[in-house]
Amino acid sequence: MPLEMPINRKIIHNRTVQCVGYLREDKLWDIEGHLIDTKTYDFTTWSRGLIAAGQAIHDMSMRITLDDNLLIHDIHLKMSANPYTSCPSILSNFKKLIGIKIAKGFRKKVYEKVGGINGCTHMVEMLFPIATTAFQTIYSYKNKNIKKKHQQPALINSCHSWRDNGEVIKKEFPEFYAK
């Protein structure tokens, strides 16, 4: 559902981020992200020269491989378009994320390992919707039959609607409802 348009306006910048989750045949998970930034006007940079309207300033892809517990086993990155020739030189630093888990404190660990001059702002930003996609992919797939198993869903108390004393838990998982 689009928002109401407040006044006449024109697009200046467009960022598109797409994330997709995959189950691999080896039972690990690949979560892929793709980020594209474009402008609606031509401009020139000292590094790339003329960048035409609609041409990607940033065109970056990332794939993280995870296990069922959201532990990062591998990471691959690619820059198809970037503003400066030095940008791709930092990509190997992201291997430092191998071995960390997408869980409480994830953002802090990411910033410690690949934040600031140790990484790429755009790749770091892309990690967070990838992490959300990983959670949505893995937990929803693993828990699709959780009612039959009578196990507590991992989503309890993860947001307002899934609070342990809310209507979702009361109706969907009454055995875990906190009165």
Protein backbone atom coordinates (compact mmCIF):
# COMPACT_ATOMS: atom_id res chain seq x y z
CA MET A 1 0.00 0.00 0.00
CA PRO A 2 1.66 3.25 -1.08
CA LEU A 3 1.81 6.24 1.20
CA GLU A 4 -0.29 9.30 0.46
CA MET A 5 1.70 11.78 -1.64
CA PRO A 6 2.11 14.92 0.49
CA ILE A 7 2.96 17.45 -2.31
CA ASN A 8 4.29 17.45 -5.86
CA ARG A 9 7.84 16.14 -5.90
CA LYS A 10 10.44 14.46 -8.10
CA ILE A 11 12.67 11.48 -7.48
CA ILE A 12 16.36 12.33 -6.99
CA HIS A 13 17.84 9.10 -5.64
CA ASN A 14 16.67 5.49 -5.71
CA ARG A 15 18.02 2.64 -3.60
CA THR A 16 16.74 -0.86 -4.21
CA VAL A 17 17.62 -3.69 -1.84
CA GLN A 18 16.42 -7.20 -2.55
CA CYS A 19 17.09 -10.20 -0.34
CA VAL A 20 16.26 -13.85 -1.05
CA GLY A 21 16.66 -16.94 1.15
CA TYR A 22 17.58 -20.40 -0.18
CA LEU A 23 17.78 -23.86 1.37
CA ARG A 24 20.83 -25.67 0.01
CA GLU A 25 20.99 -29.40 -0.70
CA ASP A 26 23.62 -29.73 2.07
CA LYS A 27 21.01 -28.37 4.55
CA LEU A 28 22.81 -25.03 4.97
CA TRP A 29 21.15 -21.77 3.97
CA ASP A 30 22.21 -19.10 1.49
CA ILE A 31 20.81 -15.63 1.94
CA GLU A 32 21.57 -13.28 -0.93
CA GLY A 33 21.28 -9.53 -1.02
CA HIS A 34 21.55 -7.09 -3.88
CA LEU A 35 21.79 -3.31 -3.52
CA ILE A 36 21.54 -0.78 -6.36
CA ASP A 37 21.76 3.01 -6.03
CA THR A 38 20.91 5.32 -8.94
CA LYS A 39 20.38 9.05 -9.42
CA THR A 40 17.89 10.72 -11.74
CA TYR A 41 20.50 13.14 -13.11
CA ASP A 42 23.91 12.92 -14.77
CA PHE A 43 26.97 13.73 -12.68
CA THR A 44 30.72 13.32 -12.86
CA THR A 45 33.16 11.83 -10.38
CA TRP A 46 36.93 12.04 -10.52
CA SER A 47 37.16 8.24 -10.25
CA ARG A 48 34.55 7.08 -12.76
CA GLY A 49 33.94 10.11 -14.92
CA LEU A 50 30.41 10.63 -16.19
CA ILE A 51 27.70 8.63 -14.43
CA ALA A 52 24.51 8.95 -16.46
CA ALA A 53 21.07 9.26 -14.91
CA GLY A 54 19.80 5.77 -14.07
CA GLN A 55 23.29 4.24 -14.20
CA ALA A 56 24.24 2.39 -11.01
CA ILE A 57 26.51 4.23 -8.61
CA HIS A 58 26.45 1.17 -6.36
CA ASP A 59 25.61 -2.30 -7.65
CA MET A 60 26.63 -4.71 -4.92
CA SER A 61 25.79 -8.31 -4.10
CA MET A 62 26.35 -10.43 -1.02
CA ARG A 63 25.70 -14.05 -0.11
CA ILE A 64 26.03 -15.40 3.42
CA THR A 65 25.88 -19.11 4.15
CA LEU A 66 24.35 -20.06 7.50
CA ASP A 67 23.37 -23.10 9.49
CA ASP A 68 20.04 -23.66 11.27
CA ASN A 69 21.33 -21.68 14.27
CA LEU A 70 22.10 -18.60 12.13
CA LEU A 71 25.86 -19.10 12.45
CA ILE A 72 27.75 -17.65 9.48
CA HIS A 73 29.79 -20.31 7.67
CA ASP A 74 30.84 -18.28 4.63
CA ILE A 75 30.35 -14.94 2.92
CA HIS A 76 30.84 -13.83 -0.69
CA LEU A 77 30.65 -10.28 -1.99
CA LYS A 78 30.78 -8.62 -5.39
CA MET A 79 30.82 -5.02 -6.52
CA SER A 80 29.64 -4.61 -10.10
CA ALA A 81 29.55 -0.82 -9.73
CA ASN A 82 31.13 1.33 -7.07
CA PRO A 83 32.06 5.02 -6.91
CA TYR A 84 35.81 4.60 -6.33
CA THR A 85 38.42 2.16 -7.61
CA SER A 86 39.55 1.50 -4.03
CA CYS A 87 36.11 0.23 -2.91
CA PRO A 88 36.56 -3.48 -3.79
CA SER A 89 39.90 -3.71 -1.93
CA ILE A 90 38.09 -4.03 1.41
CA LEU A 91 35.81 -6.95 0.46
CA SER A 92 38.09 -9.67 1.85
CA ASN A 93 37.72 -8.10 5.33
CA PHE A 94 34.13 -9.35 5.42
CA LYS A 95 35.46 -12.90 5.88
CA LYS A 96 35.94 -11.76 9.52
CA LEU A 97 32.18 -12.27 9.91
CA ILE A 98 32.56 -16.05 9.53
CA GLY A 99 31.82 -17.67 12.86
CA ILE A 100 29.48 -15.02 14.26
CA LYS A 101 25.82 -15.66 14.82
CA ILE A 102 22.84 -13.57 13.76
CA ALA A 103 21.46 -13.03 17.24
CA LYS A 104 21.37 -10.38 19.94
CA GLY A 105 24.45 -8.19 19.55
CA PHE A 106 24.84 -8.95 15.83
CA ARG A 107 24.96 -5.29 14.78
CA LYS A 108 27.61 -4.49 17.36
CA LYS A 109 29.80 -7.40 16.21
CA VAL A 110 29.41 -6.36 12.57
CA TYR A 111 30.48 -2.80 13.34
CA GLU A 112 33.45 -4.05 15.40
CA LYS A 113 34.69 -6.28 12.59
CA VAL A 114 33.83 -4.40 9.39
CA GLY A 115 32.57 -0.99 10.45
CA GLY A 116 34.13 2.34 9.52
CA ILE A 117 37.43 2.15 7.66
CA ASN A 118 37.48 -1.65 8.04
CA GLY A 119 34.59 -2.16 5.65
CA CYS A 120 32.17 -0.67 3.15
CA THR A 121 29.21 1.30 4.47
CA HIS A 122 26.91 -0.08 1.78
CA MET A 123 27.88 -3.72 2.33
CA VAL A 124 27.51 -3.27 6.10
CA GLU A 125 24.05 -1.73 5.60
CA MET A 126 23.05 -4.64 3.37
CA LEU A 127 23.92 -7.14 6.12
CA PHE A 128 20.96 -6.05 8.24
CA PRO A 129 18.11 -6.78 5.79
CA ILE A 130 20.01 -9.98 4.91
CA ALA A 131 19.97 -10.90 8.61
CA THR A 132 16.23 -10.24 8.81
CA THR A 133 15.71 -12.32 5.67
CA ALA A 134 17.77 -15.14 7.20
CA PHE A 135 15.59 -15.12 10.29
CA GLN A 136 12.39 -15.05 8.21
CA THR A 137 13.68 -17.81 5.91
CA ILE A 138 15.15 -20.22 8.43
CA TYR A 139 12.81 -19.91 11.38
CA SER A 140 9.63 -19.86 9.33
CA TYR A 141 10.75 -22.94 7.39
CA LYS A 142 11.94 -24.83 10.47
CA ASN A 143 8.86 -23.90 12.48
CA LYS A 144 6.17 -24.50 9.88
CA ASN A 145 5.15 -27.66 11.72
CA ILE A 146 5.98 -26.50 15.24
CA LYS A 147 2.38 -26.80 16.45
CA LYS A 148 2.56 -30.53 15.81
CA LYS A 149 5.81 -30.79 17.80
CA HIS A 150 4.56 -28.76 20.81
CA GLN A 151 7.81 -26.78 20.95
CA GLN A 152 7.99 -23.15 21.92
CA PRO A 153 8.28 -20.92 18.84
CA ALA A 154 11.48 -18.88 18.65
CA LEU A 155 9.45 -15.79 17.77
CA ILE A 156 7.80 -15.47 21.18
CA ASN A 157 8.56 -12.00 22.60
CA SER A 158 10.35 -10.94 19.40
CA CYS A 159 7.81 -8.17 18.75
CA HIS A 160 4.56 -6.68 20.06
CA SER A 161 2.26 -9.07 18.20
CA TRP A 162 4.27 -12.12 19.28
CA ARG A 163 4.42 -11.14 22.99
CA ASP A 164 3.80 -14.09 25.28
CA ASN A 165 0.63 -12.51 26.70
CA GLY A 166 -0.82 -11.37 23.37
CA GLU A 167 -3.65 -12.66 21.20
CA VAL A 168 -1.35 -14.34 18.62
CA ILE A 169 0.18 -16.63 21.23
CA LYS A 170 -3.15 -17.11 23.00
CA LYS A 171 -4.79 -18.32 19.76
CA GLU A 172 -1.90 -19.98 17.93
CA PHE A 173 0.17 -21.41 20.81
CA PRO A 174 -2.06 -21.46 23.91
CA GLU A 175 0.30 -23.74 25.81
CA PHE A 176 2.90 -20.92 25.78
CA TYR A 177 0.47 -18.13 26.59
CA ALA A 178 1.47 -16.12 29.68
CA LYS A 179 -1.68 -15.09 31.51
